[in-house]
């Protein structure tokens, strides 16, 4: 995805956010038909679909095929970025956010292995397949990555922990998006997600916890490396070996 594509996607996101914040869109409300909405925003329908896909991945929109796209009835809501606000006020560091994510999601994976149902396993399998299908389009890959982790949280059977995970995921999204935009090889990440899925599907809680910790440690390392070696034009600095990016 080019920078122009990313700009168009975020234009969709920001426009819908504004509609929600001003009350033009209410929970359960339906957005205009795709053709009409794309024309109003003066963007392509492909860009609109990508933006809607991101919002759906974040739990803000509910896409009902053959019916329409609606604002989700429940949390998380796009306008309530409480953790991001607290981070700005109190100087939360990226590594602290990742540490919280690692602790929380590792235990969610273990709980999912113990409590997950067949519909959760099927959804995880589908998202892993979509990750493999989108390794060459990082922004689309990230959408399926987010959905995969959300299914794990749902499979844990603990809505409080799932809500906490959504909050942290939303706060870290911008950094993950920047890393995804510069990714060159997401196959390693996809393979780790498949390994997480298999350990959960086989109900091996200890292995699920361990693989999730490994995945998130690699994701944090990738983002730290990106921040330290990215040059002004957004490419890795000369002489630094490129690595697979995890998100």
Protein backbone atom coordinates (compact mmCIF):
# COMPACT_ATOMS: atom_id res chain seq x y z
CA UNK A 1 0.00 0.00 0.00
CA UNK A 2 1.40 3.38 -1.03
CA UNK A 3 1.50 6.50 1.11
CA UNK A 4 -1.36 7.87 -0.99
CA UNK A 5 -3.44 4.76 -0.27
CA UNK A 6 -2.70 5.07 3.44
CA UNK A 7 -3.70 8.74 3.36
CA UNK A 8 -7.01 7.87 1.71
CA UNK A 9 -7.67 5.11 4.25
CA UNK A 10 -7.09 7.45 7.18
CA UNK A 11 -9.29 10.04 5.49
CA UNK A 12 -12.16 7.55 5.68
CA UNK A 13 -11.35 6.77 9.31
CA UNK A 14 -11.21 10.43 10.31
CA UNK A 15 -14.42 11.28 8.47
CA UNK A 16 -16.37 8.51 10.18
CA UNK A 17 -14.84 9.45 13.52
CA UNK A 18 -16.08 13.00 13.00
CA UNK A 19 -19.58 11.74 12.15
CA UNK A 20 -19.63 9.68 15.35
CA UNK A 21 -18.32 12.50 17.53
CA UNK A 22 -20.84 15.00 16.14
CA UNK A 23 -23.71 12.56 16.53
CA UNK A 24 -24.37 12.21 12.80
CA UNK A 25 -23.74 8.50 13.29
CA UNK A 26 -25.12 6.75 16.36
CA UNK A 27 -24.39 3.23 17.68
CA UNK A 28 -26.27 0.86 15.41
CA UNK A 29 -26.52 3.52 12.69
CA UNK A 30 -25.90 2.62 9.06
CA UNK A 31 -23.36 4.47 6.91
CA UNK A 32 -24.34 5.60 3.39
CA UNK A 33 -24.11 3.07 0.53
CA UNK A 34 -20.58 2.47 -0.73
CA UNK A 35 -20.96 4.23 -4.09
CA UNK A 36 -22.61 7.30 -2.56
CA UNK A 37 -20.14 7.52 0.33
CA UNK A 38 -17.08 7.17 -1.93
CA UNK A 39 -18.40 9.91 -4.19
CA UNK A 40 -19.01 12.19 -1.20
CA UNK A 41 -15.43 11.69 0.06
CA UNK A 42 -14.02 11.90 -3.49
CA UNK A 43 -12.08 8.69 -3.11
CA UNK A 44 -12.15 5.29 -4.81
CA UNK A 45 -14.44 2.57 -3.56
CA UNK A 46 -11.33 0.42 -2.94
CA UNK A 47 -9.93 3.05 -0.55
CA UNK A 48 -13.30 3.28 1.17
CA UNK A 49 -13.43 -0.48 1.65
CA UNK A 50 -9.93 -0.52 3.15
CA UNK A 51 -10.87 2.25 5.59
CA UNK A 52 -14.06 0.43 6.56
CA UNK A 53 -12.04 -2.77 6.95
CA UNK A 54 -9.72 -1.05 9.42
CA UNK A 55 -12.65 0.31 11.44
CA UNK A 56 -14.25 -3.14 11.45
CA UNK A 57 -10.97 -4.66 12.66
CA UNK A 58 -10.92 -2.15 15.51
CA UNK A 59 -14.47 -3.10 16.49
CA UNK A 60 -15.96 0.26 15.53
CA UNK A 61 -17.93 -0.88 12.47
CA UNK A 62 -20.03 -3.97 11.87
CA UNK A 63 -20.00 -5.12 8.24
CA UNK A 64 -23.05 -7.23 7.40
CA UNK A 65 -22.57 -8.63 3.92
CA UNK A 66 -25.59 -8.06 1.73
CA UNK A 67 -27.13 -5.73 4.30
CA UNK A 68 -24.79 -2.81 4.92
CA UNK A 69 -22.19 -1.37 7.28
CA UNK A 70 -23.21 -0.17 10.73
CA UNK A 71 -21.64 1.54 13.74
CA UNK A 72 -21.06 -1.13 16.39
CA UNK A 73 -23.55 -1.05 19.26
CA UNK A 74 -21.00 -1.63 22.00
CA UNK A 75 -17.40 -0.74 22.95
CA UNK A 76 -14.79 0.07 21.86
CA UNK A 77 -15.81 3.48 20.56
CA UNK A 78 -13.42 5.42 18.36
CA UNK A 79 -13.84 8.72 20.23
CA UNK A 80 -12.89 7.29 23.64
CA UNK A 81 -9.12 6.89 23.42
CA UNK A 82 -8.71 6.95 27.18
CA UNK A 83 -5.38 5.13 27.32
CA UNK A 84 -3.88 7.33 24.61
CA UNK A 85 -5.01 10.40 26.52
CA UNK A 86 -3.52 9.10 29.78
CA UNK A 87 -0.33 8.25 27.90
CA UNK A 88 -0.07 11.82 26.60
CA UNK A 89 -0.69 13.22 30.07
CA UNK A 90 1.65 10.95 31.99
CA UNK A 91 4.28 10.06 29.42
CA UNK A 92 3.61 6.36 28.94
CA UNK A 93 6.47 4.80 26.99
CA UNK A 94 6.05 2.44 24.06
CA UNK A 95 7.95 -0.33 25.83
CA UNK A 96 5.59 -0.01 28.82
CA UNK A 97 2.59 -0.39 26.55
CA UNK A 98 4.16 -3.42 24.91
CA UNK A 99 4.98 -4.94 28.29
CA UNK A 100 1.32 -4.61 29.28
CA UNK A 101 0.28 -6.13 25.97
CA UNK A 102 2.70 -9.04 26.36
CA UNK A 103 1.51 -9.88 29.88
CA UNK A 104 -2.17 -9.55 29.00
CA UNK A 105 -2.23 -11.31 25.63
CA UNK A 106 -0.06 -14.21 26.76
CA UNK A 107 -2.61 -15.05 29.44
CA UNK A 108 -5.49 -14.49 27.03
CA UNK A 109 -3.93 -17.06 24.70
CA UNK A 110 -3.69 -19.57 27.54
CA UNK A 111 -7.32 -18.95 28.54
CA UNK A 112 -8.40 -19.29 24.90
CA UNK A 113 -6.75 -22.72 24.78
CA UNK A 114 -8.71 -23.74 27.85
CA UNK A 115 -12.07 -22.14 27.05
CA UNK A 116 -12.22 -21.55 23.30
CA UNK A 117 -15.09 -22.98 21.26
CA UNK A 118 -15.20 -24.35 17.74
CA UNK A 119 -16.48 -21.05 16.30
CA UNK A 120 -13.46 -19.27 17.80
CA UNK A 121 -11.06 -21.80 16.31
CA UNK A 122 -12.73 -21.47 12.92
CA UNK A 123 -12.46 -17.67 13.05
CA UNK A 124 -8.77 -17.85 14.03
CA UNK A 125 -8.06 -20.26 11.18
CA UNK A 126 -9.79 -17.92 8.72
CA UNK A 127 -7.76 -14.91 9.87
CA UNK A 128 -4.49 -16.85 9.63
CA UNK A 129 -5.39 -17.83 6.06
CA UNK A 130 -6.12 -14.17 5.27
CA UNK A 131 -2.75 -13.16 6.75
CA UNK A 132 -0.95 -15.52 4.39
CA UNK A 133 -3.02 -14.10 1.52
CA UNK A 134 -2.07 -10.50 2.36
CA UNK A 135 1.65 -10.77 3.19
CA UNK A 136 2.35 -8.48 0.24
CA UNK A 137 -0.16 -5.82 1.35
CA UNK A 138 0.90 -4.86 4.89
CA UNK A 139 -2.03 -2.62 5.77
CA UNK A 140 -4.53 -5.33 4.88
CA UNK A 141 -2.37 -7.84 6.75
CA UNK A 142 -2.57 -5.66 9.86
CA UNK A 143 -6.36 -5.71 9.75
CA UNK A 144 -6.39 -9.52 9.88
CA UNK A 145 -3.66 -9.50 12.54
CA UNK A 146 -5.87 -7.31 14.76
CA UNK A 147 -8.91 -9.49 14.12
CA UNK A 148 -6.95 -12.63 15.00
CA UNK A 149 -5.93 -11.23 18.37
CA UNK A 150 -9.49 -10.05 19.01
CA UNK A 151 -10.85 -13.57 18.47
CA UNK A 152 -8.34 -14.90 20.99
CA UNK A 153 -9.54 -12.32 23.51
CA UNK A 154 -13.16 -13.34 22.87
CA UNK A 155 -12.25 -17.01 23.22
CA UNK A 156 -10.77 -16.32 26.66
CA UNK A 157 -14.30 -15.94 28.03
CA UNK A 158 -13.32 -12.86 30.03
CA UNK A 159 -14.87 -9.66 28.59
CA UNK A 160 -12.99 -7.45 31.06
CA UNK A 161 -9.60 -8.67 29.85
CA UNK A 162 -10.83 -8.48 26.26
CA UNK A 163 -11.80 -4.82 26.74
CA UNK A 164 -8.42 -4.03 28.28
CA UNK A 165 -6.72 -5.65 25.30
CA UNK A 166 -8.81 -3.55 22.87
CA UNK A 167 -7.77 -0.40 24.72
CA UNK A 168 -4.08 -1.23 24.48
CA UNK A 169 -4.42 -2.32 20.84
CA UNK A 170 -6.05 1.01 19.94
CA UNK A 171 -3.33 2.97 21.74
CA UNK A 172 -0.57 1.09 19.91
CA UNK A 173 -2.22 1.15 16.49
CA UNK A 174 -0.34 4.13 15.02
CA UNK A 175 3.05 2.56 15.81
CA UNK A 176 1.93 -0.79 14.43
CA UNK A 177 0.64 0.89 11.27
CA UNK A 178 3.97 2.66 10.69
CA UNK A 179 5.83 -0.62 11.14
CA UNK A 180 3.45 -2.42 8.78
CA UNK A 181 3.84 0.28 6.12
CA UNK A 182 7.60 -0.37 6.00
CA UNK A 183 7.41 -4.14 6.20
CA UNK A 184 9.11 -6.15 3.48
CA UNK A 185 8.47 -9.72 4.65
CA UNK A 186 5.47 -10.66 6.81
CA UNK A 187 5.70 -14.40 6.22
CA UNK A 188 7.53 -15.02 9.50
CA UNK A 189 4.80 -13.16 11.37
CA UNK A 190 2.10 -15.20 9.63
CA UNK A 191 3.87 -18.42 10.58
CA UNK A 192 3.99 -17.37 14.23
CA UNK A 193 0.28 -16.60 14.19
CA UNK A 194 -0.36 -20.04 12.73
CA UNK A 195 1.71 -21.55 15.53
CA UNK A 196 -0.33 -19.61 18.11
CA UNK A 197 -3.55 -20.86 16.49
CA UNK A 198 -2.39 -24.48 16.49
CA UNK A 199 -1.40 -24.41 20.15
CA UNK A 200 -4.77 -22.89 21.11
CA UNK A 201 -6.65 -25.33 18.87
CA UNK A 202 -4.87 -28.27 20.51
CA UNK A 203 -5.78 -26.80 23.94
CA UNK A 204 -2.16 -26.55 25.01
CA UNK A 205 -2.36 -23.51 27.32
CA UNK A 206 1.32 -23.49 28.28
CA UNK A 207 2.46 -23.59 24.65
CA UNK A 208 -0.07 -20.94 23.63
CA UNK A 209 1.24 -18.64 26.35
CA UNK A 210 4.86 -19.28 25.35
CA UNK A 211 4.37 -18.75 21.60
CA UNK A 212 2.35 -15.58 22.18
CA UNK A 213 5.14 -14.19 24.38
CA UNK A 214 7.67 -15.00 21.66
CA UNK A 215 5.55 -13.36 18.98
CA UNK A 216 5.06 -10.16 20.97
CA UNK A 217 8.74 -9.99 21.95
CA UNK A 218 9.62 -10.14 18.25
CA UNK A 219 6.98 -7.53 17.45
CA UNK A 220 8.42 -5.18 20.05
CA UNK A 221 11.93 -5.78 18.75
CA UNK A 222 10.81 -4.99 15.19
CA UNK A 223 9.21 -1.72 16.23
CA UNK A 224 12.24 -0.71 18.31
CA UNK A 225 14.54 -1.50 15.38
CA UNK A 226 12.31 0.50 13.04
CA UNK A 227 12.55 3.51 15.31
CA UNK A 228 16.33 3.33 15.62
CA UNK A 229 17.34 2.72 12.00
CA UNK A 230 14.65 4.37 9.90
CA UNK A 231 16.14 7.11 7.74
CA UNK A 232 14.41 10.33 6.80
CA UNK A 233 12.84 8.75 3.71
CA UNK A 234 11.38 5.91 5.75
CA UNK A 235 13.76 3.19 4.60
CA UNK A 236 16.13 1.17 6.81
CA UNK A 237 19.52 2.81 7.25
CA UNK A 238 22.30 1.56 5.02
CA UNK A 239 24.23 -1.38 6.36
CA UNK A 240 21.45 -2.61 8.64
CA UNK A 241 20.10 -6.01 7.73
CA UNK A 242 16.38 -6.02 7.03
CA UNK A 243 14.31 -8.20 9.30
CA UNK A 244 10.85 -9.68 9.08
CA UNK A 245 8.35 -7.40 10.73
CA UNK A 246 5.84 -8.61 13.28
CA UNK A 247 2.91 -6.42 14.18
